[in-house]
Amino acid sequence: MTKMCNENLRKIRRDKNYSQEYIANLLNISLKAYSDIEQGKTILKYEMIIKLTSILNISPDNICKISLQCKSKHEIINSKIIDYLKNNNISIPKELFE
């Protein structure tokens, strides 16, 4: 992730008054692992972005504007489908994110 993406993630988390420990627990990772994500020490995989966007109730491009441009066509279509479902209050089975 670029520095701006790290800062966006940190700002969004803080705006929602979530601690790093709280997010780490929801992601089922250590506090250090989550801290490394915000500091840019870890490459953020697409699956983790999706989990973070679900926890923070945001879209992937809120974290990093170029995130959708870096994905394959298949991933972009999936992301758009997920956004459509969320925007239309259609529930998404959790097992699809595992």
PDB file of N, CA and C in Angstrom:
ATOM      1  N   MET A   1       0.838  -1.183   0.000  1.00  0.00           N
ATOM      2  CA  MET A   1       0.000   0.000   0.000  1.00  0.00           C
ATOM      3  C   MET A   1       0.875   1.235   0.000  1.00  0.00           C
ATOM      4  N   THR A   2       0.393   2.276  -0.638  1.00  0.00           N
ATOM      5  CA  THR A   2       1.135   3.526  -0.625  1.00  0.00           C
ATOM      6  C   THR A   2       0.922   4.232   0.703  1.00  0.00           C
ATOM      7  N   LYS A   3       1.762   5.220   0.976  1.00  0.00           N
ATOM      8  CA  LYS A   3       1.662   5.964   2.229  1.00  0.00           C
ATOM      9  C   LYS A   3       0.279   6.593   2.375  1.00  0.00           C
ATOM     10  N   MET A   4      -0.266   7.129   1.280  1.00  0.00           N
ATOM     11  CA  MET A   4      -1.582   7.754   1.349  1.00  0.00           C
ATOM     12  C   MET A   4      -2.656   6.736   1.729  1.00  0.00           C
ATOM     13  N   CYS A   5      -2.544   5.514   1.205  1.00  0.00           N
ATOM     14  CA  CYS A   5      -3.506   4.461   1.535  1.00  0.00           C
ATOM     15  C   CYS A   5      -3.426   4.110   3.010  1.00  0.00           C
ATOM     16  N   ASN A   6      -2.213   4.013   3.540  1.00  0.00           N
ATOM     17  CA  ASN A   6      -2.028   3.729   4.962  1.00  0.00           C
ATOM     18  C   ASN A   6      -2.684   4.812   5.811  1.00  0.00           C
ATOM     19  N   GLU A   7      -2.452   6.059   5.412  1.00  0.00           N
ATOM     20  CA  GLU A   7      -3.023   7.182   6.154  1.00  0.00           C
ATOM     21  C   GLU A   7      -4.551   7.183   6.059  1.00  0.00           C
ATOM     22  N   ASN A   8      -5.089   6.847   4.896  1.00  0.00           N
ATOM     23  CA  ASN A   8      -6.541   6.767   4.744  1.00  0.00           C
ATOM     24  C   ASN A   8      -7.121   5.716   5.678  1.00  0.00           C
ATOM     25  N   LEU A   9      -6.502   4.551   5.710  1.00  0.00           N
ATOM     26  CA  LEU A   9      -6.977   3.470   6.561  1.00  0.00           C
ATOM     27  C   LEU A   9      -6.943   3.898   8.025  1.00  0.00           C
ATOM     28  N   ARG A  10      -5.852   4.497   8.441  1.00  0.00           N
ATOM     29  CA  ARG A  10      -5.710   4.959   9.827  1.00  0.00           C
ATOM     30  C   ARG A  10      -6.771   6.016  10.149  1.00  0.00           C
ATOM     31  N   LYS A  11      -6.957   6.973   9.234  1.00  0.00           N
ATOM     32  CA  LYS A  11      -7.934   8.046   9.463  1.00  0.00           C
ATOM     33  C   LYS A  11      -9.353   7.490   9.560  1.00  0.00           C
ATOM     34  N   ILE A  12      -9.715   6.594   8.667  1.00  0.00           N
ATOM     35  CA  ILE A  12     -11.059   5.999   8.689  1.00  0.00           C
ATOM     36  C   ILE A  12     -11.277   5.256  10.006  1.00  0.00           C
ATOM     37  N   ARG A  13     -10.287   4.469  10.421  1.00  0.00           N
ATOM     38  CA  ARG A  13     -10.396   3.722  11.675  1.00  0.00           C
ATOM     39  C   ARG A  13     -10.577   4.670  12.853  1.00  0.00           C
ATOM     40  N   ARG A  14      -9.776   5.714  12.894  1.00  0.00           N
ATOM     41  CA  ARG A  14      -9.864   6.683  14.000  1.00  0.00           C
ATOM     42  C   ARG A  14     -11.190   7.450  13.968  1.00  0.00           C
ATOM     43  N   ASP A  15     -11.654   7.813  12.775  1.00  0.00           N
ATOM     44  CA  ASP A  15     -12.930   8.527  12.657  1.00  0.00           C
ATOM     45  C   ASP A  15     -14.084   7.699  13.219  1.00  0.00           C
ATOM     46  N   LYS A  16     -13.951   6.400  13.144  1.00  0.00           N
ATOM     47  CA  LYS A  16     -14.991   5.496  13.661  1.00  0.00           C
ATOM     48  C   LYS A  16     -14.734   5.112  15.124  1.00  0.00           C
ATOM     49  N   ASN A  17     -13.695   5.717  15.709  1.00  0.00           N
ATOM     50  CA  ASN A  17     -13.312   5.459  17.103  1.00  0.00           C
ATOM     51  C   ASN A  17     -13.017   3.994  17.374  1.00  0.00           C
ATOM     52  N   TYR A  18     -12.394   3.320  16.403  1.00  0.00           N
ATOM     53  CA  TYR A  18     -11.980   1.936  16.580  1.00  0.00           C
ATOM     54  C   TYR A  18     -10.494   1.915  16.921  1.00  0.00           C
ATOM     55  N   SER A  19     -10.126   1.086  17.858  1.00  0.00           N
ATOM     56  CA  SER A  19      -8.710   0.925  18.174  1.00  0.00           C
ATOM     57  C   SER A  19      -8.098  -0.081  17.201  1.00  0.00           C
ATOM     58  N   GLN A  20      -6.785  -0.047  17.109  1.00  0.00           N
ATOM     59  CA  GLN A  20      -6.095  -1.041  16.292  1.00  0.00           C
ATOM     60  C   GLN A  20      -6.358  -2.437  16.844  1.00  0.00           C
ATOM     61  N   GLU A  21      -6.396  -2.550  18.161  1.00  0.00           N
ATOM     62  CA  GLU A  21      -6.633  -3.847  18.790  1.00  0.00           C
ATOM     63  C   GLU A  21      -8.023  -4.387  18.415  1.00  0.00           C
ATOM     64  N   TYR A  22      -9.031  -3.512  18.385  1.00  0.00           N
ATOM     65  CA  TYR A  22     -10.385  -3.925  18.028  1.00  0.00           C
ATOM     66  C   TYR A  22     -10.421  -4.469  16.596  1.00  0.00           C
ATOM     67  N   ILE A  23      -9.800  -3.736  15.661  1.00  0.00           N
ATOM     68  CA  ILE A  23      -9.785  -4.168  14.262  1.00  0.00           C
ATOM     69  C   ILE A  23      -9.007  -5.480  14.131  1.00  0.00           C
ATOM     70  N   ALA A  24      -7.875  -5.563  14.803  1.00  0.00           N
ATOM     71  CA  ALA A  24      -7.061  -6.784  14.747  1.00  0.00           C
ATOM     72  C   ALA A  24      -7.866  -7.988  15.238  1.00  0.00           C
ATOM     73  N   ASN A  25      -8.615  -7.811  16.308  1.00  0.00           N
ATOM     74  CA  ASN A  25      -9.434  -8.916  16.831  1.00  0.00           C
ATOM     75  C   ASN A  25     -10.488  -9.339  15.823  1.00  0.00           C
ATOM     76  N   LEU A  26     -11.140  -8.387  15.172  1.00  0.00           N
ATOM     77  CA  LEU A  26     -12.152  -8.724  14.171  1.00  0.00           C
ATOM     78  C   LEU A  26     -11.544  -9.431  12.959  1.00  0.00           C
ATOM     79  N   LEU A  27     -10.311  -9.075  12.645  1.00  0.00           N
ATOM     80  CA  LEU A  27      -9.620  -9.707  11.518  1.00  0.00           C
ATOM     81  C   LEU A  27      -8.967 -11.033  11.922  1.00  0.00           C
ATOM     82  N   ASN A  28      -8.964 -11.297  13.218  1.00  0.00           N
ATOM     83  CA  ASN A  28      -8.341 -12.508  13.748  1.00  0.00           C
ATOM     84  C   ASN A  28      -6.831 -12.531  13.464  1.00  0.00           C
ATOM     85  N   ILE A  29      -6.206 -11.358  13.655  1.00  0.00           N
ATOM     86  CA  ILE A  29      -4.756 -11.237  13.514  1.00  0.00           C
ATOM     87  C   ILE A  29      -4.220 -10.536  14.756  1.00  0.00           C
ATOM     88  N   SER A  30      -2.923 -10.548  14.929  1.00  0.00           N
ATOM     89  CA  SER A  30      -2.326  -9.895  16.094  1.00  0.00           C
ATOM     90  C   SER A  30      -2.364  -8.371  15.927  1.00  0.00           C
ATOM     91  N   LEU A  31      -2.242  -7.688  17.059  1.00  0.00           N
ATOM     92  CA  LEU A  31      -2.170  -6.229  17.038  1.00  0.00           C
ATOM     93  C   LEU A  31      -0.977  -5.778  16.206  1.00  0.00           C
ATOM     94  N   LYS A  32       0.140  -6.465  16.367  1.00  0.00           N
ATOM     95  CA  LYS A  32       1.355  -6.128  15.586  1.00  0.00           C
ATOM     96  C   LYS A  32       1.099  -6.278  14.093  1.00  0.00           C
ATOM     97  N   ALA A  33       0.410  -7.350  13.704  1.00  0.00           N
ATOM     98  CA  ALA A  33       0.118  -7.565  12.279  1.00  0.00           C
ATOM     99  C   ALA A  33      -0.744  -6.436  11.736  1.00  0.00           C
ATOM    100  N   TYR A  34      -1.731  -5.988  12.523  1.00  0.00           N
ATOM    101  CA  TYR A  34      -2.575  -4.893  12.041  1.00  0.00           C
ATOM    102  C   TYR A  34      -1.789  -3.582  12.004  1.00  0.00           C
ATOM    103  N   SER A  35      -0.988  -3.357  13.023  1.00  0.00           N
ATOM    104  CA  SER A  35      -0.153  -2.156  13.049  1.00  0.00           C
ATOM    105  C   SER A  35       0.760  -2.110  11.830  1.00  0.00           C
ATOM    106  N   ASP A  36       1.309  -3.263  11.466  1.00  0.00           N
ATOM    107  CA  ASP A  36       2.167  -3.345  10.281  1.00  0.00           C
ATOM    108  C   ASP A  36       1.396  -2.984   9.004  1.00  0.00           C
ATOM    109  N   ILE A  37       0.117  -3.334   8.955  1.00  0.00           N
ATOM    110  CA  ILE A  37      -0.704  -2.958   7.795  1.00  0.00           C
ATOM    111  C   ILE A  37      -0.800  -1.439   7.706  1.00  0.00           C
ATOM    112  N   GLU A  38      -1.145  -0.790   8.817  1.00  0.00           N
ATOM    113  CA  GLU A  38      -1.292   0.668   8.802  1.00  0.00           C
ATOM    114  C   GLU A  38       0.032   1.382   8.555  1.00  0.00           C
ATOM    115  N   GLN A  39       1.135   0.754   8.926  1.00  0.00           N
ATOM    116  CA  GLN A  39       2.451   1.369   8.718  1.00  0.00           C
ATOM    117  C   GLN A  39       3.031   1.055   7.346  1.00  0.00           C
ATOM    118  N   GLY A  40       2.324   0.224   6.571  1.00  0.00           N
ATOM    119  CA  GLY A  40       2.800  -0.110   5.240  1.00  0.00           C
ATOM    120  C   GLY A  40       3.897  -1.159   5.216  1.00  0.00           C
ATOM    121  N   LYS A  41       4.078  -1.864   6.309  1.00  0.00           N
ATOM    122  CA  LYS A  41       5.102  -2.907   6.374  1.00  0.00           C
ATOM    123  C   LYS A  41       4.610  -4.222   5.783  1.00  0.00           C
ATOM    124  N   THR A  42       3.305  -4.323   5.579  1.00  0.00           N
ATOM    125  CA  THR A  42       2.686  -5.530   5.043  1.00  0.00           C
ATOM    126  C   THR A  42       1.947  -5.191   3.764  1.00  0.00           C
ATOM    127  N   ILE A  43       2.080  -6.024   2.775  1.00  0.00           N
ATOM    128  CA  ILE A  43       1.320  -5.841   1.538  1.00  0.00           C
ATOM    129  C   ILE A  43      -0.110  -6.281   1.812  1.00  0.00           C
ATOM    130  N   LEU A  44      -1.030  -5.393   1.569  1.00  0.00           N
ATOM    131  CA  LEU A  44      -2.435  -5.661   1.851  1.00  0.00           C
ATOM    132  C   LEU A  44      -3.047  -6.411   0.681  1.00  0.00           C
ATOM    133  N   LYS A  45      -3.452  -7.653   0.932  1.00  0.00           N
ATOM    134  CA  LYS A  45      -4.057  -8.473  -0.107  1.00  0.00           C
ATOM    135  C   LYS A  45      -5.527  -8.109  -0.273  1.00  0.00           C
ATOM    136  N   TYR A  46      -6.054  -8.439  -1.444  1.00  0.00           N
ATOM    137  CA  TYR A  46      -7.433  -8.114  -1.782  1.00  0.00           C
ATOM    138  C   TYR A  46      -8.417  -8.648  -0.741  1.00  0.00           C
ATOM    139  N   GLU A  47      -8.214  -9.876  -0.278  1.00  0.00           N
ATOM    140  CA  GLU A  47      -9.116 -10.480   0.702  1.00  0.00           C
ATOM    141  C   GLU A  47      -9.146  -9.658   1.987  1.00  0.00           C
ATOM    142  N   MET A  48      -7.988  -9.146   2.398  1.00  0.00           N
ATOM    143  CA  MET A  48      -7.915  -8.340   3.611  1.00  0.00           C
ATOM    144  C   MET A  48      -8.599  -6.992   3.387  1.00  0.00           C
ATOM    145  N   ILE A  49      -8.452  -6.435   2.203  1.00  0.00           N
ATOM    146  CA  ILE A  49      -9.145  -5.179   1.898  1.00  0.00           C
ATOM    147  C   ILE A  49     -10.647  -5.377   2.017  1.00  0.00           C
ATOM    148  N   ILE A  50     -11.149  -6.467   1.494  1.00  0.00           N
ATOM    149  CA  ILE A  50     -12.585  -6.753   1.565  1.00  0.00           C
ATOM    150  C   ILE A  50     -13.033  -6.895   3.019  1.00  0.00           C
ATOM    151  N   LYS A  51     -12.253  -7.595   3.828  1.00  0.00           N
ATOM    152  CA  LYS A  51     -12.604  -7.738   5.248  1.00  0.00           C
ATOM    153  C   LYS A  51     -12.607  -6.380   5.945  1.00  0.00           C
ATOM    154  N   LEU A  52     -11.599  -5.567   5.655  1.00  0.00           N
ATOM    155  CA  LEU A  52     -11.525  -4.238   6.265  1.00  0.00           C
ATOM    156  C   LEU A  52     -12.706  -3.362   5.834  1.00  0.00           C
ATOM    157  N   THR A  53     -13.050  -3.424   4.558  1.00  0.00           N
ATOM    158  CA  THR A  53     -14.162  -2.596   4.088  1.00  0.00           C
ATOM    159  C   THR A  53     -15.473  -3.032   4.725  1.00  0.00           C
ATOM    160  N   SER A  54     -15.609  -4.316   4.994  1.00  0.00           N
ATOM    161  CA  SER A  54     -16.808  -4.815   5.661  1.00  0.00           C
ATOM    162  C   SER A  54     -16.856  -4.320   7.111  1.00  0.00           C
ATOM    163  N   ILE A  55     -15.738  -4.404   7.807  1.00  0.00           N
ATOM    164  CA  ILE A  55     -15.667  -3.953   9.201  1.00  0.00           C
ATOM    165  C   ILE A  55     -15.902  -2.456   9.302  1.00  0.00           C
ATOM    166  N   LEU A  56     -15.277  -1.704   8.398  1.00  0.00           N
ATOM    167  CA  LEU A  56     -15.360  -0.243   8.452  1.00  0.00           C
ATOM    168  C   LEU A  56     -16.569   0.323   7.703  1.00  0.00           C
ATOM    169  N   ASN A  57     -17.298  -0.559   7.017  1.00  0.00           N
ATOM    170  CA  ASN A  57     -18.482  -0.171   6.249  1.00  0.00           C
ATOM    171  C   ASN A  57     -18.146   0.911   5.213  1.00  0.00           C
ATOM    172  N   ILE A  58     -17.133   0.609   4.398  1.00  0.00           N
ATOM    173  CA  ILE A  58     -16.680   1.520   3.346  1.00  0.00           C
ATOM    174  C   ILE A  58     -16.432   0.701   2.082  1.00  0.00           C
ATOM    175  N   SER A  59     -16.142   1.374   0.983  1.00  0.00           N
ATOM    176  CA  SER A  59     -15.777   0.662  -0.242  1.00  0.00           C
ATOM    177  C   SER A  59     -14.251   0.629  -0.357  1.00  0.00           C
ATOM    178  N   PRO A  60     -13.714  -0.311  -1.125  1.00  0.00           N
ATOM    179  CA  PRO A  60     -12.248  -0.431  -1.230  1.00  0.00           C
ATOM    180  C   PRO A  60     -11.545   0.850  -1.669  1.00  0.00           C
ATOM    181  N   ASP A  61     -12.186   1.620  -2.533  1.00  0.00           N
ATOM    182  CA  ASP A  61     -11.511   2.831  -2.990  1.00  0.00           C
ATOM    183  C   ASP A  61     -11.472   3.926  -1.932  1.00  0.00           C
ATOM    184  N   ASN A  62     -12.161   3.752  -0.803  1.00  0.00           N
ATOM    185  CA  ASN A  62     -12.005   4.684   0.315  1.00  0.00           C
ATOM    186  C   ASN A  62     -10.642   4.508   0.970  1.00  0.00           C
ATOM    187  N   ILE A  63     -10.112   3.297   0.901  1.00  0.00           N
ATOM    188  CA  ILE A  63      -8.787   3.038   1.466  1.00  0.00           C
ATOM    189  C   ILE A  63      -7.722   3.509   0.488  1.00  0.00           C
ATOM    190  N   CYS A  64      -7.862   3.092  -0.760  1.00  0.00           N
ATOM    191  CA  CYS A  64      -6.860   3.447  -1.761  1.00  0.00           C
ATOM    192  C   CYS A  64      -7.536   3.636  -3.111  1.00  0.00           C
ATOM    193  N   LYS A  65      -7.474   4.815  -3.631  1.00  0.00           N
ATOM    194  CA  LYS A  65      -8.173   5.148  -4.871  1.00  0.00           C
ATOM    195  C   LYS A  65      -7.742   4.278  -6.042  1.00  0.00           C
ATOM    196  N   ILE A  66      -6.512   3.806  -6.032  1.00  0.00           N
ATOM    197  CA  ILE A  66      -6.056   3.001  -7.159  1.00  0.00           C
ATOM    198  C   ILE A  66      -6.342   1.521  -6.966  1.00  0.00           C
ATOM    199  N   SER A  67      -6.917   1.145  -5.823  1.00  0.00           N
ATOM    200  CA  SER A  67      -7.085  -0.279  -5.532  1.00  0.00           C
ATOM    201  C   SER A  67      -7.890  -0.995  -6.603  1.00  0.00           C
ATOM    202  N   LEU A  68      -8.922  -0.374  -7.136  1.00  0.00           N
ATOM    203  CA  LEU A  68      -9.727  -1.034  -8.160  1.00  0.00           C
ATOM    204  C   LEU A  68      -8.984  -1.118  -9.489  1.00  0.00           C
ATOM    205  N   GLN A  69      -8.097  -0.182  -9.756  1.00  0.00           N
ATOM    206  CA  GLN A  69      -7.352  -0.190 -11.011  1.00  0.00           C
ATOM    207  C   GLN A  69      -6.289  -1.283 -11.026  1.00  0.00           C
ATOM    208  N   CYS A  70      -5.891  -1.760  -9.865  1.00  0.00           N
ATOM    209  CA  CYS A  70      -4.824  -2.749  -9.769  1.00  0.00           C
ATOM    210  C   CYS A  70      -5.333  -4.180  -9.820  1.00  0.00           C
ATOM    211  N   LYS A  71      -6.591  -4.351  -9.915  1.00  0.00           N
ATOM    212  CA  LYS A  71      -7.169  -5.690  -9.879  1.00  0.00           C
ATOM    213  C   LYS A  71      -7.473  -6.189 -11.285  1.00  0.00           C
ATOM    214  N   SER A  72      -7.626  -7.473 -11.372  1.00  0.00           N
ATOM    215  CA  SER A  72      -8.025  -8.059 -12.638  1.00  0.00           C
ATOM    216  C   SER A  72      -9.480  -7.703 -12.923  1.00  0.00           C
ATOM    217  N   LYS A  73      -9.894  -7.892 -14.154  1.00  0.00           N
ATOM    218  CA  LYS A  73     -11.271  -7.613 -14.542  1.00  0.00           C
ATOM    219  C   LYS A  73     -12.257  -8.398 -13.675  1.00  0.00           C
ATOM    220  N   HIS A  74     -11.925  -9.653 -13.394  1.00  0.00           N
ATOM    221  CA  HIS A  74     -12.778 -10.516 -12.569  1.00  0.00           C
ATOM    222  C   HIS A  74     -12.970  -9.913 -11.175  1.00  0.00           C
ATOM    223  N   GLU A  75     -11.890  -9.436 -10.574  1.00  0.00           N
ATOM    224  CA  GLU A  75     -11.967  -8.854  -9.237  1.00  0.00           C
ATOM    225  C   GLU A  75     -12.759  -7.551  -9.252  1.00  0.00           C
ATOM    226  N   ILE A  76     -12.610  -6.758 -10.300  1.00  0.00           N
ATOM    227  CA  ILE A  76     -13.360  -5.505 -10.408  1.00  0.00           C
ATOM    228  C   ILE A  76     -14.854  -5.794 -10.502  1.00  0.00           C
ATOM    229  N   ILE A  77     -15.222  -6.763 -11.306  1.00  0.00           N
ATOM    230  CA  ILE A  77     -16.637  -7.132 -11.442  1.00  0.00           C
ATOM    231  C   ILE A  77     -17.173  -7.608 -10.093  1.00  0.00           C
ATOM    232  N   ASN A  78     -16.421  -8.455  -9.401  1.00  0.00           N
ATOM    233  CA  ASN A  78     -16.851  -8.924  -8.073  1.00  0.00           C
ATOM    234  C   ASN A  78     -17.032  -7.756  -7.118  1.00  0.00           C
ATOM    235  N   SER A  79     -16.104  -6.822  -7.141  1.00  0.00           N
ATOM    236  CA  SER A  79     -16.188  -5.663  -6.262  1.00  0.00           C
ATOM    237  C   SER A  79     -17.434  -4.835  -6.574  1.00  0.00           C
ATOM    238  N   LYS A  80     -17.718  -4.656  -7.846  1.00  0.00           N
ATOM    239  CA  LYS A  80     -18.907  -3.890  -8.234  1.00  0.00           C
ATOM    240  C   LYS A  80     -20.188  -4.608  -7.818  1.00  0.00           C
ATOM    241  N   ILE A  81     -20.190  -5.917  -7.922  1.00  0.00           N
ATOM    242  CA  ILE A  81     -21.359  -6.696  -7.493  1.00  0.00           C
ATOM    243  C   ILE A  81     -21.558  -6.530  -5.987  1.00  0.00           C
ATOM    244  N   ILE A  82     -20.485  -6.629  -5.234  1.00  0.00           N
ATOM    245  CA  ILE A  82     -20.569  -6.477  -3.780  1.00  0.00           C
ATOM    246  C   ILE A  82     -21.080  -5.082  -3.431  1.00  0.00           C
ATOM    247  N   ASP A  83     -20.543  -4.058  -4.086  1.00  0.00           N
ATOM    248  CA  ASP A  83     -21.013  -2.691  -3.840  1.00  0.00           C
ATOM    249  C   ASP A  83     -22.495  -2.552  -4.160  1.00  0.00           C
ATOM    250  N   TYR A  84     -22.930  -3.143  -5.261  1.00  0.00           N
ATOM    251  CA  TYR A  84     -24.342  -3.086  -5.638  1.00  0.00           C
ATOM    252  C   TYR A  84     -25.207  -3.736  -4.561  1.00  0.00           C
ATOM    253  N   LEU A  85     -24.803  -4.904  -4.102  1.00  0.00           N
ATOM    254  CA  LEU A  85     -25.566  -5.610  -3.075  1.00  0.00           C
ATOM    255  C   LEU A  85     -25.651  -4.785  -1.793  1.00  0.00           C
ATOM    256  N   LYS A  86     -24.525  -4.215  -1.379  1.00  0.00           N
ATOM    257  CA  LYS A  86     -24.508  -3.389  -0.164  1.00  0.00           C
ATOM    258  C   LYS A  86     -25.380  -2.147  -0.331  1.00  0.00           C
ATOM    259  N   ASN A  87     -25.253  -1.478  -1.470  1.00  0.00           N
ATOM    260  CA  ASN A  87     -26.015  -0.244  -1.703  1.00  0.00           C
ATOM    261  C   ASN A  87     -27.515  -0.492  -1.783  1.00  0.00           C
ATOM    262  N   ASN A  88     -27.910  -1.709  -2.114  1.00  0.00           N
ATOM    263  CA  ASN A  88     -29.324  -2.044  -2.226  1.00  0.00           C
ATOM    264  C   ASN A  88     -29.808  -2.892  -1.048  1.00  0.00           C
ATOM    265  N   ASN A  89     -29.013  -2.871   0.039  1.00  0.00           N
ATOM    266  CA  ASN A  89     -29.365  -3.581   1.275  1.00  0.00           C
ATOM    267  C   ASN A  89     -29.699  -5.049   1.050  1.00  0.00           C
ATOM    268  N   ILE A  90     -28.952  -5.685   0.174  1.00  0.00           N
ATOM    269  CA  ILE A  90     -29.107  -7.112  -0.080  1.00  0.00           C
ATOM    270  C   ILE A  90     -28.018  -7.819   0.712  1.00  0.00           C
ATOM    271  N   SER A  91     -28.404  -8.730   1.580  1.00  0.00           N
ATOM    272  CA  SER A  91     -27.424  -9.383   2.438  1.00  0.00           C
ATOM    273  C   SER A  91     -26.487 -10.271   1.631  1.00  0.00           C
ATOM    274  N   ILE A  92     -25.251 -10.298   2.087  1.00  0.00           N
ATOM    275  CA  ILE A  92     -24.217 -11.091   1.429  1.00  0.00           C
ATOM    276  C   ILE A  92     -23.817 -12.200   2.403  1.00  0.00           C
ATOM    277  N   PRO A  93     -23.930 -13.452   1.990  1.00  0.00           N
ATOM    278  CA  PRO A  93     -23.550 -14.552   2.898  1.00  0.00           C
ATOM    279  C   PRO A  93     -22.085 -14.434   3.312  1.00  0.00           C
ATOM    280  N   LYS A  94     -21.830 -14.543   4.605  1.00  0.00           N
ATOM    281  CA  LYS A  94     -20.466 -14.389   5.142  1.00  0.00           C
ATOM    282  C   LYS A  94     -19.511 -15.440   4.579  1.00  0.00           C
ATOM    283  N   GLU A  95     -20.025 -16.623   4.259  1.00  0.00           N
ATOM    284  CA  GLU A  95     -19.135 -17.673   3.757  1.00  0.00           C
ATOM    285  C   GLU A  95     -18.511 -17.309   2.411  1.00  0.00           C
ATOM    286  N   LEU A  96     -19.045 -16.322   1.722  1.00  0.00           N
ATOM    287  CA  LEU A  96     -18.454 -15.885   0.458  1.00  0.00           C
ATOM    288  C   LEU A  96     -17.167 -15.113   0.687  1.00  0.00           C
ATOM    289  N   PHE A  97     -16.929 -14.633   1.909  1.00  0.00           N
ATOM    290  CA  PHE A  97     -15.730 -13.863   2.219  1.00  0.00           C
ATOM    291  C   PHE A  97     -14.640 -14.713   2.832  1.00  0.00           C
ATOM    292  N   GLU A  98     -14.869 -15.973   3.037  1.00  0.00           N
ATOM    293  CA  GLU A  98     -13.855 -16.822   3.685  1.00  0.00           C
ATOM    294  C   GLU A  98     -12.939 -17.448   2.676  1.00  0.00           C
TER     295      GLU A  98
END
